[in-house]
Amino acid sequence: MTLRREFCQKYGPQLLPGTDRFVILGVSLKGGMVPKADGEIDGATLHVRDTTWGAVAGMTSHPCCEEVEKYLQWKTKNSKPK
């Protein structure tokens, strides 16, 4: 997450001129990967958000929702709890 934030801050405005919004999204099984934060980068906003794979899989309007749901089932079955 630190590298993503640094990329957005150091290179985002140079590589993507005219972009007014950058988003870093942490996706994990249980959530709580990153705290919600907002900031500014050379006139653009940086949003950091957190979500779960369950929330992503629950987006039934997405054209690949069935694939994501299958991935989540596979990941849950094959992941070793820490």
PDB file of N, CA and C in Angstrom:
ATOM      1  N   MET A   1       0.829  -1.185   0.000  1.00  0.00           N
ATOM      2  CA  MET A   1       0.000   0.000   0.000  1.00  0.00           C
ATOM      3  C   MET A   1       0.873   1.247   0.000  1.00  0.00           C
ATOM      4  N   THR A   2       1.988   1.175   0.705  1.00  0.00           N
ATOM      5  CA  THR A   2       2.903   2.317   0.750  1.00  0.00           C
ATOM      6  C   THR A   2       3.436   2.617  -0.641  1.00  0.00           C
ATOM      7  N   LEU A   3       3.805   1.574  -1.388  1.00  0.00           N
ATOM      8  CA  LEU A   3       4.320   1.780  -2.748  1.00  0.00           C
ATOM      9  C   LEU A   3       3.258   2.381  -3.660  1.00  0.00           C
ATOM     10  N   ARG A   4       2.032   1.959  -3.508  1.00  0.00           N
ATOM     11  CA  ARG A   4       0.951   2.518  -4.335  1.00  0.00           C
ATOM     12  C   ARG A   4       0.747   3.997  -4.028  1.00  0.00           C
ATOM     13  N   ARG A   5       0.768   4.322  -2.748  1.00  0.00           N
ATOM     14  CA  ARG A   5       0.610   5.726  -2.350  1.00  0.00           C
ATOM     15  C   ARG A   5       1.774   6.567  -2.899  1.00  0.00           C
ATOM     16  N   GLU A   6       2.988   6.062  -2.757  1.00  0.00           N
ATOM     17  CA  GLU A   6       4.159   6.787  -3.260  1.00  0.00           C
ATOM     18  C   GLU A   6       4.104   6.954  -4.770  1.00  0.00           C
ATOM     19  N   PHE A   7       3.641   5.917  -5.483  1.00  0.00           N
ATOM     20  CA  PHE A   7       3.504   6.023  -6.930  1.00  0.00           C
ATOM     21  C   PHE A   7       2.529   7.146  -7.290  1.00  0.00           C
ATOM     22  N   CYS A   8       1.372   7.156  -6.645  1.00  0.00           N
ATOM     23  CA  CYS A   8       0.372   8.195  -6.929  1.00  0.00           C
ATOM     24  C   CYS A   8       0.932   9.580  -6.635  1.00  0.00           C
ATOM     25  N   GLN A   9       1.680   9.716  -5.541  1.00  0.00           N
ATOM     26  CA  GLN A   9       2.205  11.018  -5.164  1.00  0.00           C
ATOM     27  C   GLN A   9       3.351  11.471  -6.063  1.00  0.00           C
ATOM     28  N   LYS A  10       4.268  10.569  -6.386  1.00  0.00           N
ATOM     29  CA  LYS A  10       5.470  10.946  -7.140  1.00  0.00           C
ATOM     30  C   LYS A  10       5.265  10.963  -8.643  1.00  0.00           C
ATOM     31  N   TYR A  11       4.530   9.978  -9.155  1.00  0.00           N
ATOM     32  CA  TYR A  11       4.472   9.814 -10.611  1.00  0.00           C
ATOM     33  C   TYR A  11       3.086  10.004 -11.222  1.00  0.00           C
ATOM     34  N   GLY A  12       2.044   9.842 -10.429  1.00  0.00           N
ATOM     35  CA  GLY A  12       0.685   9.929 -10.953  1.00  0.00           C
ATOM     36  C   GLY A  12       0.406  11.185 -11.749  1.00  0.00           C
ATOM     37  N   PRO A  13       0.644  12.373 -11.176  1.00  0.00           N
ATOM     38  CA  PRO A  13       0.347  13.604 -11.913  1.00  0.00           C
ATOM     39  C   PRO A  13       1.201  13.769 -13.184  1.00  0.00           C
ATOM     40  N   GLN A  14       2.419  13.251 -13.164  1.00  0.00           N
ATOM     41  CA  GLN A  14       3.285  13.359 -14.341  1.00  0.00           C
ATOM     42  C   GLN A  14       2.846  12.406 -15.451  1.00  0.00           C
ATOM     43  N   LEU A  15       2.500  11.160 -15.073  1.00  0.00           N
ATOM     44  CA  LEU A  15       2.127  10.159 -16.065  1.00  0.00           C
ATOM     45  C   LEU A  15       0.684  10.279 -16.530  1.00  0.00           C
ATOM     46  N   LEU A  16      -0.155  10.833 -15.680  1.00  0.00           N
ATOM     47  CA  LEU A  16      -1.576  10.954 -16.000  1.00  0.00           C
ATOM     48  C   LEU A  16      -2.036  12.396 -15.826  1.00  0.00           C
ATOM     49  N   PRO A  17      -1.501  13.327 -16.619  1.00  0.00           N
ATOM     50  CA  PRO A  17      -1.894  14.731 -16.475  1.00  0.00           C
ATOM     51  C   PRO A  17      -3.393  14.893 -16.737  1.00  0.00           C
ATOM     52  N   GLY A  18      -3.993  15.772 -15.987  1.00  0.00           N
ATOM     53  CA  GLY A  18      -5.431  15.996 -16.148  1.00  0.00           C
ATOM     54  C   GLY A  18      -6.277  15.083 -15.289  1.00  0.00           C
ATOM     55  N   THR A  19      -5.652  14.107 -14.635  1.00  0.00           N
ATOM     56  CA  THR A  19      -6.399  13.232 -13.736  1.00  0.00           C
ATOM     57  C   THR A  19      -6.682  13.993 -12.452  1.00  0.00           C
ATOM     58  N   ASP A  20      -7.937  14.011 -12.047  1.00  0.00           N
ATOM     59  CA  ASP A  20      -8.281  14.782 -10.851  1.00  0.00           C
ATOM     60  C   ASP A  20      -8.522  13.909  -9.624  1.00  0.00           C
ATOM     61  N   ARG A  21      -8.411  12.571  -9.793  1.00  0.00           N
ATOM     62  CA  ARG A  21      -8.696  11.679  -8.674  1.00  0.00           C
ATOM     63  C   ARG A  21      -7.867  10.402  -8.799  1.00  0.00           C
ATOM     64  N   PHE A  22      -7.213  10.022  -7.713  1.00  0.00           N
ATOM     65  CA  PHE A  22      -6.515   8.753  -7.624  1.00  0.00           C
ATOM     66  C   PHE A  22      -7.139   7.964  -6.482  1.00  0.00           C
ATOM     67  N   VAL A  23      -7.268   6.650  -6.668  1.00  0.00           N
ATOM     68  CA  VAL A  23      -7.878   5.805  -5.646  1.00  0.00           C
ATOM     69  C   VAL A  23      -6.981   4.597  -5.408  1.00  0.00           C
ATOM     70  N   ILE A  24      -6.713   4.322  -4.143  1.00  0.00           N
ATOM     71  CA  ILE A  24      -6.015   3.110  -3.738  1.00  0.00           C
ATOM     72  C   ILE A  24      -7.028   2.287  -2.960  1.00  0.00           C
ATOM     73  N   LEU A  25      -7.268   1.070  -3.426  1.00  0.00           N
ATOM     74  CA  LEU A  25      -8.270   0.214  -2.807  1.00  0.00           C
ATOM     75  C   LEU A  25      -7.603  -1.037  -2.256  1.00  0.00           C
ATOM     76  N   GLY A  26      -7.705  -1.232  -0.962  1.00  0.00           N
ATOM     77  CA  GLY A  26      -7.210  -2.450  -0.323  1.00  0.00           C
ATOM     78  C   GLY A  26      -8.326  -3.470  -0.260  1.00  0.00           C
ATOM     79  N   VAL A  27      -8.101  -4.666  -0.819  1.00  0.00           N
ATOM     80  CA  VAL A  27      -9.117  -5.720  -0.819  1.00  0.00           C
ATOM     81  C   VAL A  27      -8.555  -6.915  -0.052  1.00  0.00           C
ATOM     82  N   SER A  28      -9.308  -7.373   0.947  1.00  0.00           N
ATOM     83  CA  SER A  28      -8.864  -8.508   1.751  1.00  0.00           C
ATOM     84  C   SER A  28     -10.069  -9.346   2.161  1.00  0.00           C
ATOM     85  N   LEU A  29      -9.805 -10.505   2.747  1.00  0.00           N
ATOM     86  CA  LEU A  29     -10.902 -11.377   3.160  1.00  0.00           C
ATOM     87  C   LEU A  29     -11.723 -10.786   4.298  1.00  0.00           C
ATOM     88  N   LYS A  30     -11.058 -10.199   5.279  1.00  0.00           N
ATOM     89  CA  LYS A  30     -11.770  -9.718   6.474  1.00  0.00           C
ATOM     90  C   LYS A  30     -11.924  -8.207   6.557  1.00  0.00           C
ATOM     91  N   GLY A  31     -11.243  -7.457   5.712  1.00  0.00           N
ATOM     92  CA  GLY A  31     -11.300  -6.006   5.798  1.00  0.00           C
ATOM     93  C   GLY A  31     -10.303  -5.481   6.808  1.00  0.00           C
ATOM     94  N   GLY A  32     -10.265  -4.180   6.964  1.00  0.00           N
ATOM     95  CA  GLY A  32      -9.346  -3.570   7.914  1.00  0.00           C
ATOM     96  C   GLY A  32      -7.911  -3.517   7.422  1.00  0.00           C
ATOM     97  N   MET A  33      -7.726  -3.608   6.124  1.00  0.00           N
ATOM     98  CA  MET A  33      -6.382  -3.608   5.557  1.00  0.00           C
ATOM     99  C   MET A  33      -5.735  -2.232   5.624  1.00  0.00           C
ATOM    100  N   VAL A  34      -6.519  -1.207   5.344  1.00  0.00           N
ATOM    101  CA  VAL A  34      -6.006   0.168   5.379  1.00  0.00           C
ATOM    102  C   VAL A  34      -7.077   1.087   5.960  1.00  0.00           C
ATOM    103  N   PRO A  35      -6.679   2.125   6.661  1.00  0.00           N
ATOM    104  CA  PRO A  35      -7.666   3.086   7.155  1.00  0.00           C
ATOM    105  C   PRO A  35      -8.121   4.016   6.026  1.00  0.00           C
ATOM    106  N   LYS A  36      -9.367   4.450   6.094  1.00  0.00           N
ATOM    107  CA  LYS A  36      -9.909   5.398   5.124  1.00  0.00           C
ATOM    108  C   LYS A  36      -9.138   6.705   5.257  1.00  0.00           C
ATOM    109  N   ALA A  37      -8.708   7.251   4.126  1.00  0.00           N
ATOM    110  CA  ALA A  37      -7.958   8.507   4.149  1.00  0.00           C
ATOM    111  C   ALA A  37      -8.195   9.263   2.854  1.00  0.00           C
ATOM    112  N   ASP A  38      -8.125  10.574   2.929  1.00  0.00           N
ATOM    113  CA  ASP A  38      -8.223  11.449   1.767  1.00  0.00           C
ATOM    114  C   ASP A  38      -7.078  12.443   1.836  1.00  0.00           C
ATOM    115  N   GLY A  39      -6.542  12.790   0.680  1.00  0.00           N
ATOM    116  CA  GLY A  39      -5.461  13.757   0.628  1.00  0.00           C
ATOM    117  C   GLY A  39      -5.437  14.448  -0.716  1.00  0.00           C
ATOM    118  N   GLU A  40      -4.432  15.280  -0.914  1.00  0.00           N
ATOM    119  CA  GLU A  40      -4.307  16.015  -2.166  1.00  0.00           C
ATOM    120  C   GLU A  40      -2.920  15.803  -2.753  1.00  0.00           C
ATOM    121  N   ILE A  41      -2.876  15.682  -4.081  1.00  0.00           N
ATOM    122  CA  ILE A  41      -1.625  15.515  -4.818  1.00  0.00           C
ATOM    123  C   ILE A  41      -1.645  16.493  -5.989  1.00  0.00           C
ATOM    124  N   ASP A  42      -0.870  17.513  -5.932  1.00  0.00           N
ATOM    125  CA  ASP A  42      -0.778  18.475  -7.044  1.00  0.00           C
ATOM    126  C   ASP A  42      -2.138  18.831  -7.637  1.00  0.00           C
ATOM    127  N   GLY A  43      -3.099  19.159  -6.791  1.00  0.00           N
ATOM    128  CA  GLY A  43      -4.424  19.563  -7.262  1.00  0.00           C
ATOM    129  C   GLY A  43      -5.387  18.417  -7.477  1.00  0.00           C
ATOM    130  N   ALA A  44      -4.910  17.173  -7.418  1.00  0.00           N
ATOM    131  CA  ALA A  44      -5.790  16.008  -7.539  1.00  0.00           C
ATOM    132  C   ALA A  44      -6.040  15.451  -6.140  1.00  0.00           C
ATOM    133  N   THR A  45      -7.125  14.718  -5.998  1.00  0.00           N
ATOM    134  CA  THR A  45      -7.393  14.101  -4.698  1.00  0.00           C
ATOM    135  C   THR A  45      -6.934  12.645  -4.710  1.00  0.00           C
ATOM    136  N   LEU A  46      -6.496  12.182  -3.554  1.00  0.00           N
ATOM    137  CA  LEU A  46      -6.109  10.793  -3.358  1.00  0.00           C
ATOM    138  C   LEU A  46      -7.038  10.209  -2.310  1.00  0.00           C
ATOM    139  N   HIS A  47      -7.737   9.143  -2.677  1.00  0.00           N
ATOM    140  CA  HIS A  47      -8.658   8.471  -1.772  1.00  0.00           C
ATOM    141  C   HIS A  47      -8.100   7.080  -1.478  1.00  0.00           C
ATOM    142  N   VAL A  48      -8.004   6.726  -0.220  1.00  0.00           N
ATOM    143  CA  VAL A  48      -7.589   5.383   0.186  1.00  0.00           C
ATOM    144  C   VAL A  48      -8.795   4.733   0.853  1.00  0.00           C
ATOM    145  N   ARG A  49      -9.156   3.573   0.346  1.00  0.00           N
ATOM    146  CA  ARG A  49     -10.334   2.877   0.855  1.00  0.00           C
ATOM    147  C   ARG A  49     -10.022   1.400   1.074  1.00  0.00           C
ATOM    148  N   ASP A  50     -10.889   0.757   1.832  1.00  0.00           N
ATOM    149  CA  ASP A  50     -10.746  -0.639   2.204  1.00  0.00           C
ATOM    150  C   ASP A  50     -12.057  -1.354   1.919  1.00  0.00           C
ATOM    151  N   THR A  51     -11.978  -2.580   1.416  1.00  0.00           N
ATOM    152  CA  THR A  51     -13.190  -3.382   1.231  1.00  0.00           C
ATOM    153  C   THR A  51     -12.821  -4.854   1.364  1.00  0.00           C
ATOM    154  N   THR A  52     -13.825  -5.692   1.307  1.00  0.00           N
ATOM    155  CA  THR A  52     -13.602  -7.130   1.415  1.00  0.00           C
ATOM    156  C   THR A  52     -13.912  -7.806   0.082  1.00  0.00           C
ATOM    157  N   TRP A  53     -13.375  -9.032  -0.059  1.00  0.00           N
ATOM    158  CA  TRP A  53     -13.697  -9.800  -1.265  1.00  0.00           C
ATOM    159  C   TRP A  53     -15.194 -10.106  -1.317  1.00  0.00           C
ATOM    160  N   GLY A  54     -15.807 -10.280  -0.154  1.00  0.00           N
ATOM    161  CA  GLY A  54     -17.250 -10.521  -0.120  1.00  0.00           C
ATOM    162  C   GLY A  54     -18.041  -9.363  -0.700  1.00  0.00           C
ATOM    163  N   ALA A  55     -17.617  -8.141  -0.391  1.00  0.00           N
ATOM    164  CA  ALA A  55     -18.289  -6.957  -0.939  1.00  0.00           C
ATOM    165  C   ALA A  55     -18.088  -6.869  -2.449  1.00  0.00           C
ATOM    166  N   VAL A  56     -16.881  -7.196  -2.906  1.00  0.00           N
ATOM    167  CA  VAL A  56     -16.610  -7.179  -4.350  1.00  0.00           C
ATOM    168  C   VAL A  56     -17.459  -8.246  -5.048  1.00  0.00           C
ATOM    169  N   ALA A  57     -17.496  -9.444  -4.476  1.00  0.00           N
ATOM    170  CA  ALA A  57     -18.279 -10.536  -5.068  1.00  0.00           C
ATOM    171  C   ALA A  57     -19.771 -10.235  -5.044  1.00  0.00           C
ATOM    172  N   GLY A  58     -20.199  -9.400  -4.115  1.00  0.00           N
ATOM    173  CA  GLY A  58     -21.611  -9.058  -4.001  1.00  0.00           C
ATOM    174  C   GLY A  58     -22.092  -8.024  -5.004  1.00  0.00           C
ATOM    175  N   MET A  59     -21.199  -7.512  -5.838  1.00  0.00           N
ATOM    176  CA  MET A  59     -21.585  -6.518  -6.858  1.00  0.00           C
ATOM    177  C   MET A  59     -22.203  -7.253  -8.046  1.00  0.00           C
ATOM    178  N   THR A  60     -23.452  -7.606  -7.925  1.00  0.00           N
ATOM    179  CA  THR A  60     -24.109  -8.415  -8.954  1.00  0.00           C
ATOM    180  C   THR A  60     -24.266  -7.691 -10.291  1.00  0.00           C
ATOM    181  N   SER A  61     -24.125  -6.379 -10.296  1.00  0.00           N
ATOM    182  CA  SER A  61     -24.245  -5.629 -11.554  1.00  0.00           C
ATOM    183  C   SER A  61     -22.970  -5.711 -12.391  1.00  0.00           C
ATOM    184  N   HIS A  62     -21.868  -6.187 -11.800  1.00  0.00           N
ATOM    185  CA  HIS A  62     -20.614  -6.279 -12.541  1.00  0.00           C
ATOM    186  C   HIS A  62     -20.679  -7.452 -13.518  1.00  0.00           C
ATOM    187  N   PRO A  63     -20.203  -7.265 -14.752  1.00  0.00           N
ATOM    188  CA  PRO A  63     -20.302  -8.337 -15.750  1.00  0.00           C
ATOM    189  C   PRO A  63     -19.515  -9.600 -15.395  1.00  0.00           C
ATOM    190  N   CYS A  64     -18.546  -9.512 -14.504  1.00  0.00           N
ATOM    191  CA  CYS A  64     -17.746 -10.682 -14.121  1.00  0.00           C
ATOM    192  C   CYS A  64     -18.070 -11.160 -12.708  1.00  0.00           C
ATOM    193  N   CYS A  65     -19.246 -10.822 -12.193  1.00  0.00           N
ATOM    194  CA  CYS A  65     -19.563 -11.139 -10.797  1.00  0.00           C
ATOM    195  C   CYS A  65     -19.516 -12.640 -10.524  1.00  0.00           C
ATOM    196  N   GLU A  66     -19.911 -13.465 -11.477  1.00  0.00           N
ATOM    197  CA  GLU A  66     -19.876 -14.911 -11.254  1.00  0.00           C
ATOM    198  C   GLU A  66     -18.443 -15.410 -11.112  1.00  0.00           C
ATOM    199  N   GLU A  67     -17.542 -14.879 -11.935  1.00  0.00           N
ATOM    200  CA  GLU A  67     -16.122 -15.253 -11.835  1.00  0.00           C
ATOM    201  C   GLU A  67     -15.539 -14.830 -10.494  1.00  0.00           C
ATOM    202  N   VAL A  68     -15.873 -13.633 -10.048  1.00  0.00           N
ATOM    203  CA  VAL A  68     -15.358 -13.136  -8.773  1.00  0.00           C
ATOM    204  C   VAL A  68     -15.887 -14.001  -7.636  1.00  0.00           C
ATOM    205  N   GLU A  69     -17.148 -14.371  -7.678  1.00  0.00           N
ATOM    206  CA  GLU A  69     -17.731 -15.227  -6.651  1.00  0.00           C
ATOM    207  C   GLU A  69     -17.028 -16.592  -6.627  1.00  0.00           C
ATOM    208  N   LYS A  70     -16.761 -17.156  -7.798  1.00  0.00           N
ATOM    209  CA  LYS A  70     -16.041 -18.435  -7.861  1.00  0.00           C
ATOM    210  C   LYS A  70     -14.627 -18.286  -7.293  1.00  0.00           C
ATOM    211  N   TYR A  71     -13.973 -17.180  -7.610  1.00  0.00           N
ATOM    212  CA  TYR A  71     -12.640 -16.925  -7.073  1.00  0.00           C
ATOM    213  C   TYR A  71     -12.689 -16.834  -5.550  1.00  0.00           C
ATOM    214  N   LEU A  72     -13.667 -16.128  -5.025  1.00  0.00           N
ATOM    215  CA  LEU A  72     -13.789 -15.986  -3.576  1.00  0.00           C
ATOM    216  C   LEU A  72     -14.012 -17.347  -2.922  1.00  0.00           C
ATOM    217  N   GLN A  73     -14.853 -18.178  -3.507  1.00  0.00           N
ATOM    218  CA  GLN A  73     -15.080 -19.516  -2.963  1.00  0.00           C
ATOM    219  C   GLN A  73     -13.784 -20.325  -2.970  1.00  0.00           C
ATOM    220  N   TRP A  74     -13.046 -20.254  -4.081  1.00  0.00           N
ATOM    221  CA  TRP A  74     -11.765 -20.963  -4.177  1.00  0.00           C
ATOM    222  C   TRP A  74     -10.776 -20.433  -3.146  1.00  0.00           C
ATOM    223  N   LYS A  75     -10.681 -19.117  -3.037  1.00  0.00           N
ATOM    224  CA  LYS A  75      -9.737 -18.493  -2.105  1.00  0.00           C
ATOM    225  C   LYS A  75     -10.070 -18.872  -0.663  1.00  0.00           C
ATOM    226  N   THR A  76     -11.336 -18.838  -0.320  1.00  0.00           N
ATOM    227  CA  THR A  76     -11.758 -19.189   1.038  1.00  0.00           C
ATOM    228  C   THR A  76     -11.431 -20.651   1.339  1.00  0.00           C
ATOM    229  N   LYS A  77     -11.672 -21.510   0.380  1.00  0.00           N
ATOM    230  CA  LYS A  77     -11.416 -22.942   0.564  1.00  0.00           C
ATOM    231  C   LYS A  77      -9.933 -23.253   0.682  1.00  0.00           C
ATOM    232  N   ASN A  78      -9.098 -22.551  -0.071  1.00  0.00           N
ATOM    233  CA  ASN A  78      -7.673 -22.891  -0.167  1.00  0.00           C
ATOM    234  C   ASN A  78      -6.735 -21.998   0.638  1.00  0.00           C
ATOM    235  N   SER A  79      -7.249 -20.981   1.297  1.00  0.00           N
ATOM    236  CA  SER A  79      -6.400 -20.111   2.093  1.00  0.00           C
ATOM    237  C   SER A  79      -6.203 -20.709   3.483  1.00  0.00           C
ATOM    238  N   LYS A  80      -5.001 -20.526   3.992  1.00  0.00           N
ATOM    239  CA  LYS A  80      -4.703 -20.994   5.351  1.00  0.00           C
ATOM    240  C   LYS A  80      -4.841 -19.819   6.302  1.00  0.00           C
ATOM    241  N   PRO A  81      -5.671 -19.955   7.342  1.00  0.00           N
ATOM    242  CA  PRO A  81      -5.816 -18.856   8.307  1.00  0.00           C
ATOM    243  C   PRO A  81      -4.496 -18.600   9.030  1.00  0.00           C
ATOM    244  N   LYS A  82      -4.246 -17.338   9.354  1.00  0.00           N
ATOM    245  CA  LYS A  82      -3.014 -16.981  10.055  1.00  0.00           C
ATOM    246  C   LYS A  82      -3.187 -17.105  11.532  1.00  0.00           C
TER     247      LYS A  82
END
